Amino acid sequence: MQFGRIDSKDLPVSEDHVQAPISLYGVHKATAEAYCKVYERTYGLSSVIVRLPPVYGPGITGKQTRSVVELFIKKALKNEPFKVKSFWRRFEDFIYIDDVIAR
């Protein structure tokens, strides 16, 4: 998102790769990282930037969601058909919430 369009020759993307966001979401992520770096230089407040793939699991829901995983799960629970093909170009890795946090 914050790196823009990536060619297969650029994979895996390094931390030094130029950020060229192509969406507001990508701009927000790049801006948040820039704020973290400025706060560290200015105030000595260190931070850790974690670039997670889309996270799914309990508590990550809403009335209107854009989570592909959540949409698939909701349709499967209702026994409704869903198409994976329309998302195929954007398919990514996903990570379960319990693999990200400790409870």
C-alpha atoms as a PDB file:
ATOM      1  CA  MET A   1       0.000   0.000   0.000  1.00  0.00           C
ATOM      2  CA  GLN A   2       2.517   2.612   1.038  1.00  0.00           C
ATOM      3  CA  PHE A   3       5.071   1.261  -1.423  1.00  0.00           C
ATOM      4  CA  GLY A   4       2.810   1.649  -4.439  1.00  0.00           C
ATOM      5  CA  ARG A   5       2.906  -0.845  -7.250  1.00  0.00           C
ATOM      6  CA  ILE A   6       5.682  -3.402  -6.851  1.00  0.00           C
ATOM      7  CA  ASP A   7       7.216  -5.403  -9.679  1.00  0.00           C
ATOM      8  CA  SER A   8       8.080  -9.032  -9.093  1.00  0.00           C
ATOM      9  CA  LYS A   9      11.758  -8.103  -9.551  1.00  0.00           C
ATOM     10  CA  ASP A  10      11.468  -5.934  -6.394  1.00  0.00           C
ATOM     11  CA  LEU A  11      10.344  -8.841  -4.194  1.00  0.00           C
ATOM     12  CA  PRO A  12      10.891  -9.221  -1.360  1.00  0.00           C
ATOM     13  CA  VAL A  13      10.461  -5.510  -0.658  1.00  0.00           C
ATOM     14  CA  SER A  14      13.279  -4.138   1.505  1.00  0.00           C
ATOM     15  CA  GLU A  15      12.892  -1.572   4.282  1.00  0.00           C
ATOM     16  CA  ASP A  16      14.766   0.916   2.092  1.00  0.00           C
ATOM     17  CA  HIS A  17      12.362   0.636  -0.854  1.00  0.00           C
ATOM     18  CA  VAL A  18      11.007   4.019  -1.946  1.00  0.00           C
ATOM     19  CA  GLN A  19       7.476   4.626  -0.716  1.00  0.00           C
ATOM     20  CA  ALA A  20       5.095   5.820  -3.444  1.00  0.00           C
ATOM     21  CA  PRO A  21       1.554   5.390  -2.062  1.00  0.00           C
ATOM     22  CA  ILE A  22      -1.265   4.905  -4.565  1.00  0.00           C
ATOM     23  CA  SER A  23      -4.169   5.262  -2.121  1.00  0.00           C
ATOM     24  CA  LEU A  24      -5.173   7.362   0.865  1.00  0.00           C
ATOM     25  CA  TYR A  25      -4.686   4.279   3.036  1.00  0.00           C
ATOM     26  CA  GLY A  26      -1.088   3.998   1.828  1.00  0.00           C
ATOM     27  CA  VAL A  27      -0.500   7.714   2.415  1.00  0.00           C
ATOM     28  CA  HIS A  28      -1.806   7.371   5.981  1.00  0.00           C
ATOM     29  CA  LYS A  29       0.495   4.423   6.669  1.00  0.00           C
ATOM     30  CA  ALA A  30       3.535   6.226   5.229  1.00  0.00           C
ATOM     31  CA  THR A  31       2.661   9.391   7.180  1.00  0.00           C
ATOM     32  CA  ALA A  32       2.307   7.472  10.453  1.00  0.00           C
ATOM     33  CA  GLU A  33       5.740   5.928   9.921  1.00  0.00           C
ATOM     34  CA  ALA A  34       7.204   9.365   9.198  1.00  0.00           C
ATOM     35  CA  TYR A  35       5.687  10.725  12.424  1.00  0.00           C
ATOM     36  CA  CYS A  36       7.256   7.863  14.387  1.00  0.00           C
ATOM     37  CA  LYS A  37      10.678   8.629  12.933  1.00  0.00           C
ATOM     38  CA  VAL A  38      10.361  12.380  13.636  1.00  0.00           C
ATOM     39  CA  TYR A  39       9.257  11.775  17.229  1.00  0.00           C
ATOM     40  CA  GLU A  40      12.252   9.510  17.731  1.00  0.00           C
ATOM     41  CA  ARG A  41      14.686  12.129  16.396  1.00  0.00           C
ATOM     42  CA  THR A  42      13.007  15.035  18.191  1.00  0.00           C
ATOM     43  CA  TYR A  43      11.990  13.555  21.532  1.00  0.00           C
ATOM     44  CA  GLY A  44      13.958  10.325  21.784  1.00  0.00           C
ATOM     45  CA  LEU A  45      10.692   8.372  21.781  1.00  0.00           C
ATOM     46  CA  SER A  46      11.536   5.122  20.062  1.00  0.00           C
ATOM     47  CA  SER A  47       8.895   3.082  18.298  1.00  0.00           C
ATOM     48  CA  VAL A  48       8.527  -0.153  16.430  1.00  0.00           C
ATOM     49  CA  ILE A  49       6.856  -0.170  13.036  1.00  0.00           C
ATOM     50  CA  VAL A  50       5.127  -3.436  12.231  1.00  0.00           C
ATOM     51  CA  ARG A  51       3.896  -3.922   8.688  1.00  0.00           C
ATOM     52  CA  LEU A  52       1.302  -6.628   9.127  1.00  0.00           C
ATOM     53  CA  PRO A  53      -0.672  -8.279   6.382  1.00  0.00           C
ATOM     54  CA  PRO A  54      -4.459  -7.978   6.799  1.00  0.00           C
ATOM     55  CA  VAL A  55      -5.442  -9.206  10.272  1.00  0.00           C
ATOM     56  CA  TYR A  56      -8.606 -11.240  10.875  1.00  0.00           C
ATOM     57  CA  GLY A  57     -10.321 -12.791  13.853  1.00  0.00           C
ATOM     58  CA  PRO A  58     -12.683 -12.022  16.749  1.00  0.00           C
ATOM     59  CA  GLY A  59     -13.119  -8.340  17.517  1.00  0.00           C
ATOM     60  CA  ILE A  60     -12.111  -7.192  14.059  1.00  0.00           C
ATOM     61  CA  THR A  61     -15.576  -6.675  12.706  1.00  0.00           C
ATOM     62  CA  GLY A  62     -18.009  -3.940  12.012  1.00  0.00           C
ATOM     63  CA  LYS A  63     -21.327  -3.313  10.348  1.00  0.00           C
ATOM     64  CA  GLN A  64     -19.523  -2.422   7.158  1.00  0.00           C
ATOM     65  CA  THR A  65     -16.222  -4.114   6.569  1.00  0.00           C
ATOM     66  CA  ARG A  66     -13.717  -4.137   3.764  1.00  0.00           C
ATOM     67  CA  SER A  67     -11.948  -7.225   5.058  1.00  0.00           C
ATOM     68  CA  VAL A  68     -11.949  -9.889   2.362  1.00  0.00           C
ATOM     69  CA  VAL A  69     -11.475 -12.615   4.966  1.00  0.00           C
ATOM     70  CA  GLU A  70     -14.439 -11.405   7.014  1.00  0.00           C
ATOM     71  CA  LEU A  71     -16.646 -11.203   3.923  1.00  0.00           C
ATOM     72  CA  PHE A  72     -15.703 -14.758   2.942  1.00  0.00           C
ATOM     73  CA  ILE A  73     -16.371 -16.069   6.456  1.00  0.00           C
ATOM     74  CA  LYS A  74     -19.746 -14.292   6.704  1.00  0.00           C
ATOM     75  CA  LYS A  75     -20.841 -15.681   3.328  1.00  0.00           C
ATOM     76  CA  ALA A  76     -19.642 -19.181   4.208  1.00  0.00           C
ATOM     77  CA  LEU A  77     -21.532 -19.129   7.535  1.00  0.00           C
ATOM     78  CA  LYS A  78     -24.704 -18.088   5.688  1.00  0.00           C
ATOM     79  CA  ASN A  79     -24.048 -20.776   3.073  1.00  0.00           C
ATOM     80  CA  GLU A  80     -23.946 -18.059   0.391  1.00  0.00           C
ATOM     81  CA  PRO A  81     -21.764 -18.333  -2.710  1.00  0.00           C
ATOM     82  CA  PHE A  82     -18.780 -16.043  -3.098  1.00  0.00           C
ATOM     83  CA  LYS A  83     -16.267 -15.475  -5.855  1.00  0.00           C
ATOM     84  CA  VAL A  84     -12.576 -15.581  -5.157  1.00  0.00           C
ATOM     85  CA  LYS A  85     -11.685 -14.777  -8.761  1.00  0.00           C
ATOM     86  CA  SER A  86     -12.609 -11.087  -8.470  1.00  0.00           C
ATOM     87  CA  PHE A  87     -10.071 -10.665  -5.657  1.00  0.00           C
ATOM     88  CA  TRP A  88      -7.343 -12.824  -7.183  1.00  0.00           C
ATOM     89  CA  ARG A  89      -5.124  -9.962  -8.385  1.00  0.00           C
ATOM     90  CA  ARG A  90      -5.081  -8.451  -4.898  1.00  0.00           C
ATOM     91  CA  PHE A  91      -4.692 -11.640  -2.890  1.00  0.00           C
ATOM     92  CA  GLU A  92      -2.303 -11.273  -0.008  1.00  0.00           C
ATOM     93  CA  ASP A  93      -1.192 -13.119   3.061  1.00  0.00           C
ATOM     94  CA  PHE A  94      -3.460 -12.881   6.083  1.00  0.00           C
ATOM     95  CA  ILE A  95      -2.665 -13.244   9.771  1.00  0.00           C
ATOM     96  CA  TYR A  96      -4.931 -14.337  12.617  1.00  0.00           C
ATOM     97  CA  ILE A  97      -5.262 -11.828  15.481  1.00  0.00           C
ATOM     98  CA  ASP A  98      -3.997 -14.302  18.128  1.00  0.00           C
ATOM     99  CA  ASP A  99      -0.759 -14.656  16.157  1.00  0.00           C
ATOM    100  CA  VAL A 100      -0.223 -10.889  16.509  1.00  0.00           C
ATOM    101  CA  ILE A 101      -1.134 -10.199  20.146  1.00  0.00           C
ATOM    102  CA  ALA A 102      -0.747 -11.921  23.484  1.00  0.00           C
ATOM    103  CA  ARG A 103      -3.864 -12.297  25.623  1.00  0.00           C
END
